[in-house]
């Protein structure tokens, strides 16, 4: 059976007619997603001003950390941008799922299953940052009050070690090099502990020698001292 010149155009028109409702649905979801993202960003900005989110970030040290990292945006702006693009990203995923393409659906399913791990890892990193900063600050105050000369390096080392621990936990939560990161951290921690032990041992050997000599002299004096009841 011979094909006419109009058959390919006819076939293309039929396929386009079949696909056009899905395309319109995708475009509609994307438009609504952008509108909802803008509304969410606007309302979130108002809410953050009401609860004084910027002051809270300053007290927690987040604003200072952003300034040190040369980030020009405020904490509120960054939080609003995260929410804005998250809503847009979810709208894109939802629009692609309406196409009912098997490969796309599998990728979306895998991503949605992986998304909770990502948020848990981010939470672990944020929590670890503030916890390490709090512990390092408390340790620094305690060491300064105890008149320890190396108070700042010790507190900094503790801060870095706790950060490395939580970074390792976050990376393992993402499933990247699972098990290897914990082994690496354990080796690193053992090396740091050994280095500190050697540093304190070598640096404090003279103090330990003086202490033991004083104890030995005190013991000898107590032995040479006559007994008060020996004449009875």
N, C-alpha and C. Protein backbone atom coordinates (compact mmCIF):
# COMPACT_ATOMS: atom_id res chain seq x y z
N UNK A 1 0.86 -1.20 0.00
CA UNK A 1 0.00 0.00 0.00
C UNK A 1 0.89 1.25 0.00
N UNK A 2 0.67 2.14 -0.97
CA UNK A 2 1.52 3.33 -1.10
C UNK A 2 1.10 4.40 -0.11
N UNK A 3 2.09 5.09 0.41
CA UNK A 3 1.85 6.18 1.36
C UNK A 3 1.84 7.50 0.62
N UNK A 4 0.88 8.33 0.97
CA UNK A 4 0.81 9.67 0.37
C UNK A 4 1.70 10.63 1.15
N UNK A 5 1.94 11.79 0.57
CA UNK A 5 2.80 12.78 1.22
C UNK A 5 2.16 13.35 2.48
N UNK A 6 0.87 13.28 2.58
CA UNK A 6 0.18 13.85 3.74
C UNK A 6 0.13 12.91 4.94
N UNK A 7 0.50 11.64 4.74
CA UNK A 7 0.41 10.67 5.85
C UNK A 7 1.33 11.02 7.02
N UNK A 8 2.61 11.39 6.81
CA UNK A 8 3.45 11.76 7.97
C UNK A 8 2.90 12.95 8.75
N UNK A 9 2.35 13.93 8.03
CA UNK A 9 1.79 15.09 8.72
C UNK A 9 0.53 14.70 9.50
N UNK A 10 -0.22 13.79 8.91
CA UNK A 10 -1.43 13.30 9.59
C UNK A 10 -1.06 12.55 10.87
N UNK A 11 -0.04 11.70 10.77
CA UNK A 11 0.43 10.95 11.94
C UNK A 11 0.97 11.89 13.02
N UNK A 12 1.75 12.89 12.59
CA UNK A 12 2.28 13.87 13.55
C UNK A 12 1.14 14.63 14.24
N UNK A 13 0.12 15.00 13.47
CA UNK A 13 -1.02 15.71 14.04
C UNK A 13 -1.77 14.86 15.05
N UNK A 14 -1.90 13.56 14.77
CA UNK A 14 -2.59 12.67 15.71
C UNK A 14 -1.80 12.52 17.01
N UNK A 15 -0.48 12.37 16.88
CA UNK A 15 0.35 12.24 18.08
C UNK A 15 0.37 13.53 18.89
N UNK A 16 0.44 14.65 18.17
CA UNK A 16 0.43 15.93 18.87
C UNK A 16 -0.90 16.15 19.58
N UNK A 17 -1.97 15.73 18.96
CA UNK A 17 -3.29 15.86 19.59
C UNK A 17 -3.39 14.98 20.83
N UNK A 18 -2.73 13.81 20.77
CA UNK A 18 -2.75 12.92 21.94
C UNK A 18 -1.89 13.43 23.08
N UNK A 19 -0.77 14.10 22.72
CA UNK A 19 0.18 14.55 23.74
C UNK A 19 -0.15 15.94 24.26
N UNK A 20 -0.84 16.75 23.47
CA UNK A 20 -1.08 18.15 23.84
C UNK A 20 -1.77 18.33 25.20
N UNK A 21 -2.74 17.48 25.61
CA UNK A 21 -3.29 17.66 26.96
C UNK A 21 -2.25 17.51 28.07
N UNK A 22 -1.32 16.55 27.87
CA UNK A 22 -0.27 16.35 28.88
C UNK A 22 0.70 17.54 28.89
N UNK A 23 1.01 18.07 27.73
CA UNK A 23 1.90 19.23 27.65
C UNK A 23 1.26 20.43 28.35
N UNK A 24 -0.03 20.62 28.09
CA UNK A 24 -0.74 21.72 28.75
C UNK A 24 -0.77 21.52 30.26
N UNK A 25 -0.91 20.27 30.67
CA UNK A 25 -0.92 19.96 32.10
C UNK A 25 0.44 20.27 32.73
N UNK A 26 1.52 19.92 32.02
CA UNK A 26 2.87 20.20 32.51
C UNK A 26 3.08 21.71 32.64
N UNK A 27 2.69 22.45 31.61
CA UNK A 27 2.86 23.91 31.63
C UNK A 27 2.04 24.53 32.76
N UNK A 28 0.81 24.04 32.94
CA UNK A 28 -0.05 24.57 34.01
C UNK A 28 0.55 24.33 35.39
N UNK A 29 1.08 23.12 35.60
CA UNK A 29 1.69 22.79 36.90
C UNK A 29 2.91 23.67 37.15
N UNK A 30 3.71 23.89 36.10
CA UNK A 30 4.90 24.73 36.26
C UNK A 30 4.53 26.17 36.58
N UNK A 31 3.54 26.70 35.90
CA UNK A 31 3.10 28.08 36.16
C UNK A 31 2.57 28.20 37.58
N UNK A 32 1.73 27.25 37.97
CA UNK A 32 1.20 27.28 39.34
C UNK A 32 2.31 27.10 40.37
N UNK A 33 3.32 26.28 40.03
CA UNK A 33 4.45 26.08 40.93
C UNK A 33 5.24 27.35 41.15
N UNK A 34 5.50 28.10 40.06
CA UNK A 34 6.22 29.37 40.19
C UNK A 34 5.41 30.39 41.00
N UNK A 35 4.10 30.42 40.76
CA UNK A 35 3.24 31.36 41.51
C UNK A 35 3.23 31.00 42.99
N UNK A 36 3.07 29.71 43.28
CA UNK A 36 3.04 29.27 44.68
C UNK A 36 4.38 29.50 45.35
N UNK A 37 5.49 29.30 44.61
CA UNK A 37 6.82 29.54 45.17
C UNK A 37 7.00 31.01 45.52
N UNK A 38 6.54 31.90 44.65
CA UNK A 38 6.66 33.34 44.92
C UNK A 38 5.82 33.73 46.13
N UNK A 39 4.60 33.19 46.23
CA UNK A 39 3.73 33.48 47.37
C UNK A 39 4.34 32.95 48.66
N UNK A 40 4.88 31.73 48.60
CA UNK A 40 5.50 31.14 49.79
C UNK A 40 6.71 31.95 50.23
N UNK A 41 7.50 32.43 49.28
CA UNK A 41 8.66 33.26 49.60
C UNK A 41 8.24 34.57 50.24
N UNK A 42 7.19 35.18 49.73
CA UNK A 42 6.71 36.46 50.27
C UNK A 42 6.17 36.28 51.69
N UNK A 43 5.32 35.26 51.88
CA UNK A 43 4.74 35.03 53.21
C UNK A 43 5.81 34.61 54.22
N UNK A 44 6.78 33.83 53.75
CA UNK A 44 7.86 33.42 54.66
C UNK A 44 8.70 34.61 55.09
N UNK A 45 8.93 35.54 54.17
CA UNK A 45 9.68 36.75 54.52
C UNK A 45 8.97 37.55 55.60
N UNK A 46 7.65 37.66 55.48
CA UNK A 46 6.87 38.37 56.52
C UNK A 46 6.95 37.64 57.86
N UNK A 47 6.85 36.32 57.80
CA UNK A 47 6.90 35.53 59.03
C UNK A 47 8.26 35.64 59.71
N UNK A 48 9.32 35.60 58.94
CA UNK A 48 10.67 35.70 59.51
C UNK A 48 10.91 37.06 60.16
N UNK A 49 10.32 38.11 59.59
CA UNK A 49 10.43 39.43 60.21
C UNK A 49 9.67 39.49 61.53
N UNK A 50 8.52 38.83 61.58
CA UNK A 50 7.71 38.85 62.80
C UNK A 50 8.43 38.13 63.94
N UNK A 51 9.01 36.98 63.63
CA UNK A 51 9.68 36.20 64.69
C UNK A 51 11.13 36.64 64.91
N UNK A 52 11.58 37.67 64.18
CA UNK A 52 12.94 38.19 64.29
C UNK A 52 13.98 37.09 64.06
N UNK A 53 13.83 36.45 62.93
CA UNK A 53 14.70 35.34 62.56
C UNK A 53 16.16 35.78 62.42
N UNK A 54 16.36 37.00 61.93
CA UNK A 54 17.71 37.51 61.72
C UNK A 54 18.44 37.69 63.06
N UNK A 55 17.72 38.19 64.08
CA UNK A 55 18.33 38.34 65.40
C UNK A 55 18.68 36.98 65.99
N UNK A 56 17.79 36.00 65.77
CA UNK A 56 18.05 34.66 66.27
C UNK A 56 19.29 34.06 65.63
N UNK A 57 19.45 34.25 64.31
CA UNK A 57 20.64 33.74 63.61
C UNK A 57 21.90 34.43 64.09
N UNK A 58 21.78 35.71 64.43
CA UNK A 58 22.94 36.44 64.93
C UNK A 58 23.37 35.91 66.30
N UNK A 59 22.39 35.64 67.16
CA UNK A 59 22.72 35.10 68.49
C UNK A 59 23.29 33.70 68.39
N UNK A 60 22.85 32.93 67.41
CA UNK A 60 23.36 31.57 67.25
C UNK A 60 24.71 31.53 66.54
N UNK A 61 25.12 32.66 65.98
CA UNK A 61 26.41 32.72 65.31
C UNK A 61 26.37 32.40 63.82
N UNK A 62 25.15 32.18 63.28
CA UNK A 62 25.04 31.84 61.86
C UNK A 62 25.36 33.04 60.97
N UNK A 63 24.91 34.22 61.37
CA UNK A 63 25.20 35.43 60.59
C UNK A 63 26.69 35.72 60.55
N UNK A 64 27.36 35.50 61.68
CA UNK A 64 28.81 35.69 61.73
C UNK A 64 29.53 34.71 60.82
N UNK A 65 29.05 33.45 60.81
CA UNK A 65 29.66 32.43 59.95
C UNK A 65 29.48 32.78 58.47
N UNK A 66 28.31 33.30 58.12
CA UNK A 66 28.07 33.70 56.72
C UNK A 66 28.96 34.88 56.33
N UNK A 67 29.15 35.81 57.27
CA UNK A 67 30.01 36.96 56.99
C UNK A 67 31.46 36.53 56.79
N UNK A 68 31.90 35.56 57.59
CA UNK A 68 33.27 35.07 57.43
C UNK A 68 33.45 34.34 56.11
N UNK A 69 32.38 33.69 55.64
CA UNK A 69 32.43 32.99 54.35
C UNK A 69 32.22 33.92 53.16
N UNK A 70 32.14 35.23 53.44
CA UNK A 70 31.97 36.26 52.41
C UNK A 70 30.65 36.09 51.65
N UNK A 71 29.61 35.67 52.37
CA UNK A 71 28.26 35.56 51.80
C UNK A 71 27.54 36.88 52.05
N UNK A 72 27.12 37.53 50.98
CA UNK A 72 26.54 38.86 51.10
C UNK A 72 25.06 38.83 51.46
N UNK A 73 24.40 37.73 51.21
CA UNK A 73 22.97 37.64 51.53
C UNK A 73 22.78 37.36 53.02
N UNK A 74 21.65 37.82 53.53
CA UNK A 74 21.34 37.60 54.94
C UNK A 74 20.81 36.18 55.13
N UNK A 75 20.71 35.77 56.38
CA UNK A 75 20.21 34.43 56.70
C UNK A 75 18.76 34.27 56.24
N UNK A 76 17.97 35.32 56.39
CA UNK A 76 16.57 35.27 55.97
C UNK A 76 16.46 35.10 54.46
N UNK A 77 17.28 35.83 53.71
CA UNK A 77 17.24 35.72 52.25
C UNK A 77 17.63 34.33 51.78
N UNK A 78 18.63 33.77 52.41
CA UNK A 78 19.07 32.42 52.04
C UNK A 78 17.97 31.41 52.34
N UNK A 79 17.33 31.54 53.48
CA UNK A 79 16.25 30.62 53.86
C UNK A 79 15.07 30.75 52.89
N UNK A 80 14.75 31.97 52.51
CA UNK A 80 13.65 32.19 51.56
C UNK A 80 13.98 31.61 50.19
N UNK A 81 15.23 31.79 49.75
CA UNK A 81 15.63 31.23 48.46
C UNK A 81 15.59 29.71 48.45
N UNK A 82 15.98 29.10 49.57
CA UNK A 82 15.93 27.64 49.67
C UNK A 82 14.50 27.14 49.52
N UNK A 83 13.57 27.79 50.24
CA UNK A 83 12.16 27.40 50.16
C UNK A 83 11.62 27.65 48.75
N UNK A 84 11.98 28.78 48.15
CA UNK A 84 11.50 29.14 46.82
C UNK A 84 11.90 28.09 45.78
N UNK A 85 13.18 27.76 45.73
CA UNK A 85 13.64 26.81 44.74
C UNK A 85 13.22 25.38 45.06
N UNK A 86 12.99 25.09 46.33
CA UNK A 86 12.48 23.77 46.70
C UNK A 86 11.07 23.57 46.16
N UNK A 87 10.22 24.61 46.28
CA UNK A 87 8.86 24.52 45.75
C UNK A 87 8.89 24.38 44.23
N UNK A 88 9.75 25.15 43.56
CA UNK A 88 9.86 25.06 42.10
C UNK A 88 10.35 23.67 41.69
N UNK A 89 11.31 23.15 42.42
CA UNK A 89 11.83 21.82 42.10
C UNK A 89 10.75 20.75 42.25
N UNK A 90 9.96 20.84 43.31
CA UNK A 90 8.86 19.89 43.50
C UNK A 90 7.82 20.03 42.40
N UNK A 91 7.59 21.26 41.94
CA UNK A 91 6.64 21.47 40.84
C UNK A 91 7.17 20.83 39.55
N UNK A 92 8.46 20.94 39.31
CA UNK A 92 9.06 20.31 38.12
C UNK A 92 8.91 18.79 38.20
N UNK A 93 9.17 18.22 39.37
CA UNK A 93 9.04 16.76 39.54
C UNK A 93 7.59 16.34 39.32
N UNK A 94 6.67 17.10 39.88
CA UNK A 94 5.25 16.77 39.72
C UNK A 94 4.81 16.88 38.26
N UNK A 95 5.31 17.89 37.56
CA UNK A 95 4.94 18.05 36.15
C UNK A 95 5.51 16.93 35.29
N UNK A 96 6.73 16.49 35.59
CA UNK A 96 7.32 15.41 34.81
C UNK A 96 6.62 14.08 35.06
N UNK A 97 6.12 13.90 36.28
CA UNK A 97 5.43 12.65 36.60
C UNK A 97 4.12 12.51 35.84
N UNK A 98 3.53 13.62 35.38
CA UNK A 98 2.28 13.56 34.62
C UNK A 98 2.48 13.02 33.21
N UNK A 99 3.73 12.99 32.73
CA UNK A 99 4.00 12.47 31.39
C UNK A 99 3.91 10.95 31.32
N UNK A 100 3.97 10.29 32.48
CA UNK A 100 3.87 8.83 32.56
C UNK A 100 4.94 8.12 31.72
N UNK A 101 6.15 8.70 31.73
CA UNK A 101 7.29 8.04 31.09
C UNK A 101 7.96 7.14 32.12
N UNK A 102 8.16 5.88 31.78
CA UNK A 102 8.63 4.89 32.75
C UNK A 102 9.99 5.27 33.34
N UNK A 103 10.93 5.67 32.48
CA UNK A 103 12.27 6.03 32.95
C UNK A 103 12.21 7.23 33.87
N UNK A 104 11.43 8.24 33.50
CA UNK A 104 11.30 9.44 34.33
C UNK A 104 10.67 9.10 35.67
N UNK A 105 9.65 8.25 35.65
CA UNK A 105 8.98 7.86 36.90
C UNK A 105 9.92 7.12 37.83
N UNK A 106 10.79 6.27 37.26
CA UNK A 106 11.76 5.55 38.09
C UNK A 106 12.77 6.51 38.70
N UNK A 107 13.22 7.49 37.91
CA UNK A 107 14.17 8.47 38.44
C UNK A 107 13.53 9.31 39.55
N UNK A 108 12.29 9.69 39.34
CA UNK A 108 11.59 10.49 40.35
C UNK A 108 11.39 9.69 41.63
N UNK A 109 11.03 8.41 41.48
CA UNK A 109 10.84 7.56 42.66
C UNK A 109 12.14 7.40 43.44
N UNK A 110 13.23 7.19 42.71
CA UNK A 110 14.54 7.05 43.38
C UNK A 110 14.93 8.34 44.09
N UNK A 111 14.65 9.45 43.44
CA UNK A 111 15.00 10.74 44.05
C UNK A 111 14.18 11.00 45.31
N UNK A 112 12.88 10.72 45.23
CA UNK A 112 12.01 10.96 46.39
C UNK A 112 12.39 10.05 47.56
N UNK A 113 12.85 8.85 47.26
CA UNK A 113 13.31 7.96 48.32
C UNK A 113 14.62 8.46 48.93
N UNK A 114 15.42 9.12 48.13
CA UNK A 114 16.73 9.62 48.59
C UNK A 114 16.61 10.96 49.30
N UNK A 115 15.52 11.70 49.04
CA UNK A 115 15.35 13.04 49.59
C UNK A 115 15.36 13.08 51.11
N UNK A 116 14.66 12.15 51.82
CA UNK A 116 14.75 12.18 53.29
C UNK A 116 16.16 12.04 53.82
N UNK A 117 16.97 11.21 53.16
CA UNK A 117 18.37 11.06 53.58
C UNK A 117 19.12 12.39 53.46
N UNK A 118 18.83 13.11 52.39
CA UNK A 118 19.49 14.40 52.18
C UNK A 118 19.13 15.38 53.29
N UNK A 119 17.85 15.49 53.62
CA UNK A 119 17.42 16.42 54.66
C UNK A 119 17.98 16.02 56.03
N UNK A 120 18.04 14.72 56.30
CA UNK A 120 18.62 14.26 57.57
C UNK A 120 20.11 14.62 57.63
N UNK A 121 20.80 14.45 56.52
CA UNK A 121 22.23 14.80 56.47
C UNK A 121 22.45 16.30 56.69
N UNK A 122 21.59 17.13 56.07
CA UNK A 122 21.69 18.58 56.28
C UNK A 122 21.42 18.93 57.74
N UNK A 123 20.41 18.29 58.33
CA UNK A 123 20.10 18.55 59.74
C UNK A 123 21.26 18.13 60.64
N UNK A 124 21.88 17.00 60.34
CA UNK A 124 23.02 16.52 61.13
C UNK A 124 24.18 17.51 61.05
N UNK A 125 24.43 18.04 59.86
CA UNK A 125 25.53 19.00 59.68
C UNK A 125 25.26 20.30 60.44
N UNK A 126 24.02 20.80 60.34
CA UNK A 126 23.68 22.05 61.04
C UNK A 126 23.75 21.85 62.55
N UNK A 127 23.18 20.74 63.02
CA UNK A 127 23.21 20.45 64.46
C UNK A 127 24.64 20.28 64.95
N UNK A 128 25.46 19.59 64.16
CA UNK A 128 26.86 19.38 64.54
C UNK A 128 27.64 20.67 64.59
N UNK A 129 27.34 21.58 63.67
CA UNK A 129 28.04 22.87 63.66
C UNK A 129 27.77 23.65 64.95
N UNK A 130 26.50 23.76 65.30
CA UNK A 130 26.16 24.54 66.50
C UNK A 130 26.60 23.82 67.78
N UNK A 131 26.51 22.49 67.80
CA UNK A 131 26.95 21.75 68.98
C UNK A 131 28.45 21.88 69.17
N UNK A 132 29.22 21.75 68.09
CA UNK A 132 30.68 21.88 68.19
C UNK A 132 31.07 23.28 68.63
N UNK A 133 30.35 24.27 68.14
CA UNK A 133 30.66 25.65 68.53
C UNK A 133 30.35 25.88 70.01
N UNK A 134 29.23 25.32 70.48
CA UNK A 134 28.85 25.47 71.89
C UNK A 134 29.85 24.78 72.81
N UNK A 135 30.22 23.53 72.47
CA UNK A 135 31.16 22.78 73.31
C UNK A 135 32.53 23.45 73.30
N UNK A 136 32.98 23.91 72.13
CA UNK A 136 34.29 24.57 72.05
C UNK A 136 34.29 25.86 72.86
N UNK A 137 33.19 26.59 72.81
CA UNK A 137 33.10 27.84 73.58
C UNK A 137 33.11 27.56 75.08
N UNK A 138 32.34 26.57 75.50
CA UNK A 138 32.30 26.21 76.93
C UNK A 138 33.66 25.71 77.40
N UNK A 139 34.33 24.92 76.56
CA UNK A 139 35.66 24.41 76.92
C UNK A 139 36.68 25.54 77.00
N UNK A 140 36.59 26.49 76.09
CA UNK A 140 37.51 27.63 76.10
C UNK A 140 37.36 28.45 77.38
N UNK A 141 36.13 28.70 77.78
CA UNK A 141 35.88 29.45 79.02
C UNK A 141 36.44 28.71 80.23
N UNK A 142 36.20 27.38 80.26
CA UNK A 142 36.69 26.58 81.38
C UNK A 142 38.22 26.56 81.44
N UNK A 143 38.86 26.42 80.28
CA UNK A 143 40.33 26.39 80.25
C UNK A 143 40.94 27.75 80.58
N UNK A 144 40.30 28.82 80.13
CA UNK A 144 40.78 30.16 80.47
C UNK A 144 40.67 30.41 81.97
N UNK A 145 39.56 29.99 82.56
CA UNK A 145 39.38 30.14 84.01
C UNK A 145 40.38 29.30 84.78
N UNK A 146 40.78 28.17 84.18
CA UNK A 146 41.79 27.32 84.83
C UNK A 146 43.22 27.77 84.51
N UNK A 147 43.34 28.89 83.78
CA UNK A 147 44.63 29.49 83.42
C UNK A 147 45.52 28.53 82.62
N UNK A 148 44.89 27.82 81.69
CA UNK A 148 45.64 26.93 80.79
C UNK A 148 46.15 27.77 79.62
N UNK A 149 47.46 27.69 79.34
CA UNK A 149 48.06 28.54 78.32
C UNK A 149 47.56 28.19 76.92
N UNK A 150 47.37 26.92 76.64
CA UNK A 150 46.95 26.48 75.29
C UNK A 150 45.44 26.32 75.20
N UNK A 151 44.70 27.22 75.82
CA UNK A 151 43.24 27.09 75.87
C UNK A 151 42.62 27.20 74.48
N UNK A 152 43.06 28.20 73.72
CA UNK A 152 42.46 28.43 72.40
C UNK A 152 42.77 27.30 71.42
N UNK A 153 44.03 26.84 71.29
CA UNK A 153 44.28 25.70 70.38
C UNK A 153 43.53 24.43 70.75
N UNK A 154 43.40 24.18 72.05
CA UNK A 154 42.69 22.97 72.49
C UNK A 154 41.21 23.07 72.12
N UNK A 155 40.60 24.22 72.39
CA UNK A 155 39.17 24.39 72.06
C UNK A 155 38.95 24.33 70.55
N UNK A 156 39.89 24.87 69.78
CA UNK A 156 39.79 24.81 68.32
C UNK A 156 39.90 23.37 67.82
N UNK A 157 40.81 22.61 68.42
CA UNK A 157 40.97 21.21 68.04
C UNK A 157 39.71 20.41 68.34
N UNK A 158 39.11 20.67 69.49
CA UNK A 158 37.85 19.99 69.85
C UNK A 158 36.75 20.38 68.88
N UNK A 159 36.68 21.66 68.54
CA UNK A 159 35.69 22.15 67.58
C UNK A 159 35.83 21.44 66.23
N UNK A 160 37.05 21.32 65.74
CA UNK A 160 37.29 20.68 64.44
C UNK A 160 36.97 19.20 64.49
N UNK A 161 37.33 18.53 65.57
CA UNK A 161 37.08 17.09 65.69
C UNK A 161 35.59 16.80 65.73
N UNK A 162 34.83 17.60 66.46
CA UNK A 162 33.38 17.38 66.50
C UNK A 162 32.76 17.66 65.14
N UNK A 163 33.25 18.70 64.46
CA UNK A 163 32.75 18.99 63.10
C UNK A 163 33.04 17.83 62.15
N UNK A 164 34.25 17.28 62.23
CA UNK A 164 34.61 16.15 61.36
C UNK A 164 33.71 14.95 61.65
N UNK A 165 33.40 14.73 62.92
CA UNK A 165 32.52 13.63 63.30
C UNK A 165 31.15 13.78 62.65
N UNK A 166 30.57 14.97 62.75
CA UNK A 166 29.22 15.17 62.20
C UNK A 166 29.24 15.21 60.67
N UNK A 167 30.31 15.71 60.08
CA UNK A 167 30.43 15.65 58.61
C UNK A 167 30.50 14.19 58.16
N UNK A 168 31.23 13.37 58.89
CA UNK A 168 31.31 11.94 58.58
C UNK A 168 29.94 11.28 58.70
N UNK A 169 29.21 11.63 59.76
CA UNK A 169 27.86 11.08 59.94
C UNK A 169 26.93 11.51 58.81
N UNK A 170 27.05 12.80 58.40
CA UNK A 170 26.21 13.29 57.31
C UNK A 170 26.51 12.60 56.00
N UNK A 171 27.80 12.41 55.69
CA UNK A 171 28.19 11.75 54.44
C UNK A 171 27.74 10.29 54.44
N UNK A 172 27.85 9.63 55.60
CA UNK A 172 27.41 8.25 55.67
C UNK A 172 25.89 8.15 55.54
N UNK A 173 25.17 9.16 56.05
CA UNK A 173 23.72 9.18 55.89
C UNK A 173 23.32 9.28 54.42
N UNK A 174 24.14 9.97 53.63
CA UNK A 174 23.89 10.08 52.19
C UNK A 174 24.24 8.80 51.44
N UNK A 175 24.92 7.88 52.12
CA UNK A 175 25.27 6.63 51.47
C UNK A 175 26.53 6.71 50.64
N UNK A 176 27.32 7.76 50.83
CA UNK A 176 28.56 7.94 50.07
C UNK A 176 29.71 7.30 50.85
N UNK A 177 30.36 6.33 50.24
CA UNK A 177 31.49 5.62 50.88
C UNK A 177 31.10 5.14 52.27
N UNK A 178 29.99 4.42 52.32
CA UNK A 178 29.46 3.98 53.61
C UNK A 178 30.45 3.06 54.32
N UNK A 179 30.73 3.35 55.55
CA UNK A 179 31.68 2.57 56.34
C UNK A 179 33.09 3.09 56.25
N UNK A 180 33.49 3.55 55.07
CA UNK A 180 34.86 4.05 54.88
C UNK A 180 35.08 5.33 55.67
N UNK A 181 34.05 6.21 55.67
CA UNK A 181 34.18 7.49 56.36
C UNK A 181 34.34 7.30 57.86
N UNK A 182 33.61 6.35 58.44
CA UNK A 182 33.73 6.12 59.88
C UNK A 182 35.10 5.54 60.23
N UNK A 183 35.61 4.66 59.38
CA UNK A 183 36.95 4.11 59.61
C UNK A 183 38.00 5.22 59.51
N UNK A 184 37.82 6.10 58.52
CA UNK A 184 38.75 7.22 58.36
C UNK A 184 38.72 8.13 59.57
N UNK A 185 37.51 8.40 60.07
CA UNK A 185 37.39 9.25 61.25
C UNK A 185 38.02 8.58 62.47
N UNK A 186 37.81 7.27 62.61
CA UNK A 186 38.39 6.56 63.76
C UNK A 186 39.92 6.62 63.72
N UNK A 187 40.48 6.44 62.53
CA UNK A 187 41.94 6.53 62.38
C UNK A 187 42.43 7.94 62.69
N UNK A 188 41.70 8.93 62.17
CA UNK A 188 42.08 10.32 62.42
C UNK A 188 41.98 10.67 63.90
N UNK A 189 40.92 10.22 64.55
CA UNK A 189 40.75 10.48 65.99
C UNK A 189 41.85 9.81 66.80
N UNK A 190 42.18 8.57 66.44
CA UNK A 190 43.26 7.87 67.16
C UNK A 190 44.58 8.60 66.99
N UNK A 191 44.84 9.10 65.78
CA UNK A 191 46.07 9.85 65.55
C UNK A 191 46.13 11.13 66.36
N UNK A 192 45.01 11.85 66.44
CA UNK A 192 44.97 13.09 67.21
C UNK A 192 45.16 12.81 68.71
N UNK A 193 44.48 11.77 69.19
CA UNK A 193 44.62 11.40 70.62
C UNK A 193 46.06 11.02 70.94
N UNK A 194 46.68 10.25 70.03
CA UNK A 194 48.07 9.86 70.25
C UNK A 194 48.99 11.08 70.24
N UNK A 195 48.72 12.01 69.31
CA UNK A 195 49.55 13.22 69.24
C UNK A 195 49.39 14.07 70.50
N UNK A 196 48.16 14.19 70.98
CA UNK A 196 47.93 14.95 72.21
C UNK A 196 48.59 14.27 73.41
N UNK A 197 48.49 12.94 73.44
CA UNK A 197 49.12 12.21 74.55
C UNK A 197 50.63 12.40 74.55
N UNK A 198 51.24 12.32 73.37
CA UNK A 198 52.69 12.54 73.28
C UNK A 198 53.05 13.97 73.64
N UNK A 199 52.21 14.93 73.19
CA UNK A 199 52.49 16.34 73.48
C UNK A 199 52.42 16.60 74.97
N UNK A 200 51.37 16.09 75.61
CA UNK A 200 51.24 16.30 77.05
C UNK A 200 52.31 15.52 77.81
N UNK A 201 52.65 14.33 77.31
CA UNK A 201 53.67 13.53 77.99
C UNK A 201 55.04 14.17 77.91
N UNK A 202 55.44 14.59 76.72
CA UNK A 202 56.75 15.21 76.56
C UNK A 202 56.81 16.60 77.19
N UNK A 203 55.71 17.32 77.07
CA UNK A 203 55.71 18.68 77.63
C UNK A 203 55.59 18.70 79.14
N UNK A 204 55.00 17.65 79.71
CA UNK A 204 54.79 17.65 81.15
C UNK A 204 55.70 16.72 81.92
N UNK A 205 56.76 16.22 81.26
CA UNK A 205 57.65 15.29 81.95
C UNK A 205 58.42 15.97 83.09
N UNK A 206 58.80 17.23 82.88
CA UNK A 206 59.52 17.96 83.93
C UNK A 206 58.62 18.21 85.13
N UNK A 207 57.35 18.55 84.85
CA UNK A 207 56.39 18.77 85.94
C UNK A 207 56.16 17.48 86.71
N UNK A 208 56.02 16.37 85.96
CA UNK A 208 55.81 15.07 86.63
C UNK A 208 57.04 14.69 87.47
N UNK A 209 58.25 14.99 86.94
CA UNK A 209 59.48 14.69 87.68
C UNK A 209 59.54 15.48 88.97
N UNK A 210 59.24 16.79 88.89
CA UNK A 210 59.26 17.64 90.10
C UNK A 210 58.22 17.16 91.11
N UNK A 211 57.05 16.77 90.61
CA UNK A 211 55.99 16.32 91.51
C UNK A 211 56.40 15.05 92.24
N UNK A 212 56.98 14.10 91.49
CA UNK A 212 57.40 12.84 92.12
C UNK A 212 58.56 13.06 93.10
N UNK A 213 59.48 13.98 92.76
CA UNK A 213 60.58 14.27 93.68
C UNK A 213 60.07 14.89 94.98
N UNK A 214 59.11 15.80 94.87
CA UNK A 214 58.54 16.41 96.08
C UNK A 214 57.85 15.37 96.94
N UNK A 215 57.14 14.44 96.30
CA UNK A 215 56.46 13.38 97.04
C UNK A 215 57.48 12.47 97.74
N UNK A 216 58.56 12.17 97.03
CA UNK A 216 59.59 11.30 97.62
C UNK A 216 60.26 11.98 98.81
N UNK A 217 60.56 13.29 98.69
CA UNK A 217 61.18 14.02 99.80
C UNK A 217 60.25 14.12 100.99
N UNK A 218 58.96 14.32 100.71
CA UNK A 218 57.99 14.40 101.80
C UNK A 218 57.88 13.07 102.51
N UNK A 219 57.97 11.97 101.77
CA UNK A 219 57.89 10.64 102.38
C UNK A 219 59.12 10.37 103.23
N UNK A 220 60.30 10.80 102.79
CA UNK A 220 61.53 10.60 103.56
C UNK A 220 61.52 11.41 104.84
N UNK A 221 61.00 12.66 104.76
CA UNK A 221 60.92 13.50 105.96
C UNK A 221 59.99 12.90 107.00
N UNK A 222 58.89 12.34 106.52
CA UNK A 222 57.93 11.74 107.45
C UNK A 222 58.52 10.51 108.13
N UNK A 223 59.41 9.78 107.43
CA UNK A 223 60.05 8.61 108.04
C UNK A 223 61.09 9.03 109.06
N UNK A 224 61.85 10.11 108.79
CA UNK A 224 62.90 10.57 109.70
C UNK A 224 62.35 11.27 110.93
N UNK A 225 61.13 11.77 110.87
CA UNK A 225 60.56 12.49 112.00
C UNK A 225 60.33 11.53 113.16
N UNK A 226 60.81 11.86 114.38
CA UNK A 226 60.67 10.93 115.52
C UNK A 226 59.21 10.80 115.93
N UNK A 227 58.93 9.62 116.45
CA UNK A 227 57.56 9.36 116.89
C UNK A 227 57.31 10.09 118.20
N UNK A 228 56.18 10.75 118.33
CA UNK A 228 55.85 11.52 119.53
C UNK A 228 55.64 10.63 120.74
N UNK A 229 55.29 9.37 120.51
CA UNK A 229 55.00 8.48 121.64
C UNK A 229 56.12 7.47 121.88
N UNK A 230 57.31 7.69 121.29
CA UNK A 230 58.40 6.73 121.44
C UNK A 230 58.99 6.75 122.85
N UNK A 231 58.89 7.87 123.58
CA UNK A 231 59.48 7.97 124.91
C UNK A 231 58.59 7.34 125.97
N UNK A 232 57.37 6.99 125.62
CA UNK A 232 56.44 6.44 126.62
C UNK A 232 56.74 4.95 126.82
